[in-house]
């Protein structure tokens, strides 16, 4: 993270649904409202991945990524342009908010593509004599996750591949202190929906108490 004249919140929404239908986006809005009240001069950089067409990593991307900067061709620089811009946003951010649903026990493909674009050797992590070192430094990282079923407790938690993946990849890039807020069981009936949604809302409110 570089020194900013004002704090920056980087918000990444991964749901394919609109704000009106997406629980995770609605909870992200709640977090953002709190954050802006706390940081009156703050800036929000917001990406709704449903509105972006993110490329998959391919051979030419990998070759460009591992070519030294001063030896990259114009074509390679163009290949990395979006990735470079997304990484620069992370380096500027004071807070990172990721809102996502759980799709088929994992994260949406759009979020996986985003993570593949920003996980860069020499940019967000590096290898040294003691192993991997994450290079990102963000004060607060929060992941809001909504799911139709409740995969927060055993034995159903064994099917949750989204949370451990995000915890691992964020830590790999240097973000080890990540707060997960679950809105679980959103399709398990009105009573469970209301109870668990309220708990998620309260956990967000508590971050700013």
Protein backbone atom coordinates (compact mmCIF):
# COMPACT_ATOMS: atom_id res chain seq x y z
CA UNK A 1 0.00 0.00 0.00
CA UNK A 2 1.30 3.43 -0.91
CA UNK A 3 0.70 6.61 1.04
CA UNK A 4 -2.63 8.16 0.08
CA UNK A 5 -3.92 11.66 0.70
CA UNK A 6 -7.22 10.03 1.56
CA UNK A 7 -8.20 6.47 2.49
CA UNK A 8 -9.28 4.10 -0.26
CA UNK A 9 -11.79 1.27 -0.07
CA UNK A 10 -11.49 -1.29 -2.87
CA UNK A 11 -14.79 -3.13 -3.25
CA UNK A 12 -15.12 -6.24 -5.40
CA UNK A 13 -18.59 -7.73 -5.97
CA UNK A 14 -18.75 -11.20 -7.50
CA UNK A 15 -22.47 -12.01 -7.60
CA UNK A 16 -24.02 -12.45 -11.04
CA UNK A 17 -27.27 -11.00 -9.70
CA UNK A 18 -28.35 -7.37 -9.53
CA UNK A 19 -28.12 -5.36 -6.31
CA UNK A 20 -31.86 -5.81 -5.79
CA UNK A 21 -31.57 -9.59 -5.79
CA UNK A 22 -28.07 -10.23 -4.42
CA UNK A 23 -27.74 -10.66 -0.66
CA UNK A 24 -23.96 -10.33 -0.79
CA UNK A 25 -24.15 -7.03 -2.71
CA UNK A 26 -26.75 -5.65 -0.32
CA UNK A 27 -24.51 -6.47 2.63
CA UNK A 28 -21.55 -4.91 0.80
CA UNK A 29 -23.60 -1.73 0.42
CA UNK A 30 -24.18 -1.75 4.16
CA UNK A 31 -20.43 -2.07 4.80
CA UNK A 32 -19.65 0.70 2.31
CA UNK A 33 -22.15 3.10 3.92
CA UNK A 34 -20.53 2.52 7.31
CA UNK A 35 -17.04 2.92 5.85
CA UNK A 36 -17.88 6.22 4.18
CA UNK A 37 -19.38 7.56 7.40
CA UNK A 38 -16.17 6.65 9.23
CA UNK A 39 -13.95 7.99 6.42
CA UNK A 40 -15.64 11.19 5.34
CA UNK A 41 -12.93 11.95 2.78
CA UNK A 42 -12.61 8.36 1.63
CA UNK A 43 -12.62 7.09 -1.94
CA UNK A 44 -14.39 3.92 -3.05
CA UNK A 45 -13.04 2.00 -6.02
CA UNK A 46 -15.80 -0.43 -6.99
CA UNK A 47 -15.79 -3.31 -9.45
CA UNK A 48 -18.92 -5.34 -10.12
CA UNK A 49 -17.40 -8.38 -11.79
CA UNK A 50 -20.74 -9.19 -13.42
CA UNK A 51 -20.24 -6.09 -15.57
CA UNK A 52 -16.67 -6.97 -16.55
CA UNK A 53 -15.37 -9.49 -19.04
CA UNK A 54 -12.22 -10.72 -17.35
CA UNK A 55 -9.86 -12.84 -19.44
CA UNK A 56 -8.63 -16.21 -18.31
CA UNK A 57 -4.92 -16.71 -17.77
CA UNK A 58 -3.39 -18.21 -20.91
CA UNK A 59 0.11 -19.07 -22.11
CA UNK A 60 0.85 -15.59 -23.47
CA UNK A 61 -0.19 -14.01 -20.16
CA UNK A 62 2.15 -16.33 -18.24
CA UNK A 63 5.03 -15.61 -20.62
CA UNK A 64 4.46 -11.86 -20.32
CA UNK A 65 4.20 -12.05 -16.53
CA UNK A 66 7.56 -13.81 -16.18
CA UNK A 67 9.37 -11.64 -18.73
CA UNK A 68 11.40 -8.89 -17.00
CA UNK A 69 9.64 -5.53 -17.23
CA UNK A 70 12.41 -3.90 -19.25
CA UNK A 71 12.31 -6.72 -21.82
CA UNK A 72 8.55 -6.97 -22.40
CA UNK A 73 7.32 -6.32 -25.90
CA UNK A 74 4.50 -3.88 -26.58
CA UNK A 75 2.20 -6.85 -27.07
CA UNK A 76 3.20 -8.29 -23.70
CA UNK A 77 2.67 -4.95 -21.99
CA UNK A 78 -0.81 -4.79 -23.47
CA UNK A 79 -1.47 -8.35 -22.34
CA UNK A 80 -0.71 -7.33 -18.75
CA UNK A 81 -2.38 -3.91 -18.85
CA UNK A 82 -5.59 -4.89 -17.06
CA UNK A 83 -3.71 -7.00 -14.53
CA UNK A 84 -1.29 -4.12 -13.86
CA UNK A 85 -4.21 -1.74 -13.26
CA UNK A 86 -5.96 -4.14 -10.87
CA UNK A 87 -2.75 -4.76 -8.92
CA UNK A 88 -2.14 -1.00 -8.66
CA UNK A 89 -5.60 -0.60 -7.11
CA UNK A 90 -4.77 -3.18 -4.47
CA UNK A 91 -1.50 -1.45 -3.64
CA UNK A 92 -3.38 1.83 -3.11
CA UNK A 93 -6.13 0.35 -0.96
CA UNK A 94 -6.45 0.84 2.78
CA UNK A 95 -9.42 -1.52 2.98
CA UNK A 96 -10.51 -4.42 0.78
CA UNK A 97 -14.09 -5.65 0.65
CA UNK A 98 -14.99 -8.76 -1.32
CA UNK A 99 -18.65 -9.73 -1.56
CA UNK A 100 -19.45 -13.06 -3.13
CA UNK A 101 -22.03 -15.81 -3.25
CA UNK A 102 -21.05 -19.46 -2.98
CA UNK A 103 -21.65 -21.15 -6.33
CA UNK A 104 -21.52 -24.95 -6.28
CA UNK A 105 -19.42 -24.94 -3.09
CA UNK A 106 -16.81 -22.55 -4.53
CA UNK A 107 -16.38 -18.94 -5.63
CA UNK A 108 -17.86 -17.66 -8.91
CA UNK A 109 -15.69 -18.01 -12.00
CA UNK A 110 -15.50 -14.21 -12.28
CA UNK A 111 -13.89 -13.94 -8.85
CA UNK A 112 -11.44 -16.73 -9.66
CA UNK A 113 -10.49 -14.86 -12.84
CA UNK A 114 -9.98 -11.63 -10.88
CA UNK A 115 -7.77 -13.41 -8.35
CA UNK A 116 -5.74 -15.04 -11.14
CA UNK A 117 -5.14 -11.61 -12.66
CA UNK A 118 -3.95 -10.00 -9.42
CA UNK A 119 -1.84 -12.85 -8.02
CA UNK A 120 1.47 -11.84 -9.57
CA UNK A 121 5.01 -12.94 -8.74
CA UNK A 122 7.07 -9.87 -7.94
CA UNK A 123 3.96 -7.74 -7.55
CA UNK A 124 1.69 -9.27 -4.89
CA UNK A 125 4.01 -12.05 -3.72
CA UNK A 126 7.60 -13.20 -4.14
CA UNK A 127 9.67 -16.28 -3.47
CA UNK A 128 12.69 -16.03 -1.20
CA UNK A 129 15.04 -18.26 0.74
CA UNK A 130 12.38 -18.75 3.42
CA UNK A 131 9.61 -19.46 0.95
CA UNK A 132 6.78 -17.27 -0.27
CA UNK A 133 6.29 -13.72 1.01
CA UNK A 134 3.06 -11.82 0.43
CA UNK A 135 3.59 -8.22 -0.63
CA UNK A 136 0.15 -6.68 -0.14
CA UNK A 137 -0.43 -4.58 2.96
CA UNK A 138 -4.04 -3.60 3.54
CA UNK A 139 -5.31 -2.49 6.93
CA UNK A 140 -8.69 -4.24 6.81
CA UNK A 141 -9.84 -7.08 4.58
CA UNK A 142 -13.43 -8.30 4.79
CA UNK A 143 -15.12 -11.07 2.83
CA UNK A 144 -18.93 -11.19 2.81
CA UNK A 145 -20.27 -14.51 1.59
CA UNK A 146 -23.87 -15.49 0.96
CA UNK A 147 -24.97 -19.08 0.42
CA UNK A 148 -28.27 -20.85 -0.14
CA UNK A 149 -27.40 -23.59 2.33
CA UNK A 150 -25.51 -23.37 5.59
CA UNK A 151 -21.96 -24.63 5.13
CA UNK A 152 -20.48 -22.97 8.21
CA UNK A 153 -20.74 -25.99 10.54
CA UNK A 154 -19.73 -29.63 10.31
CA UNK A 155 -20.45 -31.89 8.52
CA UNK A 156 -21.69 -29.54 5.76
CA UNK A 157 -18.58 -27.33 6.14
CA UNK A 158 -16.57 -30.07 4.37
CA UNK A 159 -18.33 -28.99 1.17
CA UNK A 160 -17.31 -25.35 1.59
CA UNK A 161 -14.34 -24.86 -0.73
CA UNK A 162 -14.88 -21.11 -1.08
CA UNK A 163 -13.80 -19.94 2.39
CA UNK A 164 -10.56 -21.95 2.67
CA UNK A 165 -9.61 -20.98 -0.87
CA UNK A 166 -10.08 -17.27 -0.23
CA UNK A 167 -8.29 -17.50 3.11
CA UNK A 168 -5.36 -19.27 1.46
CA UNK A 169 -4.99 -17.05 -1.61
CA UNK A 170 -5.43 -13.79 0.29
CA UNK A 171 -2.84 -14.91 2.83
CA UNK A 172 -0.51 -15.97 0.01
CA UNK A 173 -0.62 -12.38 -1.23
CA UNK A 174 0.07 -10.99 2.25
CA UNK A 175 -3.44 -10.50 3.63
CA UNK A 176 -3.45 -12.78 6.65
CA UNK A 177 -6.00 -11.00 8.83
CA UNK A 178 -9.25 -11.52 6.93
CA UNK A 179 -12.69 -11.16 8.51
CA UNK A 180 -15.31 -13.48 7.01
CA UNK A 181 -18.98 -12.57 7.42
CA UNK A 182 -21.40 -15.31 6.36
CA UNK A 183 -24.99 -14.90 5.30
CA UNK A 184 -25.64 -18.63 5.26
CA UNK A 185 -28.84 -20.55 4.68
CA UNK A 186 -30.51 -17.88 2.59
CA UNK A 187 -32.66 -20.54 0.86
CA UNK A 188 -33.46 -22.55 3.98
CA UNK A 189 -36.78 -20.93 4.75
CA UNK A 190 -37.92 -17.52 5.92
CA UNK A 191 -37.00 -17.99 9.59
CA UNK A 192 -33.42 -19.11 8.91
CA UNK A 193 -33.03 -16.45 6.22
CA UNK A 194 -34.15 -13.64 8.53
CA UNK A 195 -32.09 -14.85 11.51
CA UNK A 196 -28.83 -15.39 9.61
CA UNK A 197 -29.18 -12.22 7.55
CA UNK A 198 -29.67 -10.19 10.72
CA UNK A 199 -26.57 -11.79 12.23
CA UNK A 200 -24.53 -10.84 9.17
CA UNK A 201 -25.82 -7.27 9.33
CA UNK A 202 -24.93 -7.05 13.01
CA UNK A 203 -21.42 -8.34 12.34
CA UNK A 204 -20.91 -5.61 9.75
CA UNK A 205 -22.26 -2.96 12.13
CA UNK A 206 -19.93 -4.23 14.87
CA UNK A 207 -16.89 -3.59 12.68
CA UNK A 208 -17.64 0.12 12.91
CA UNK A 209 -18.98 0.31 16.46
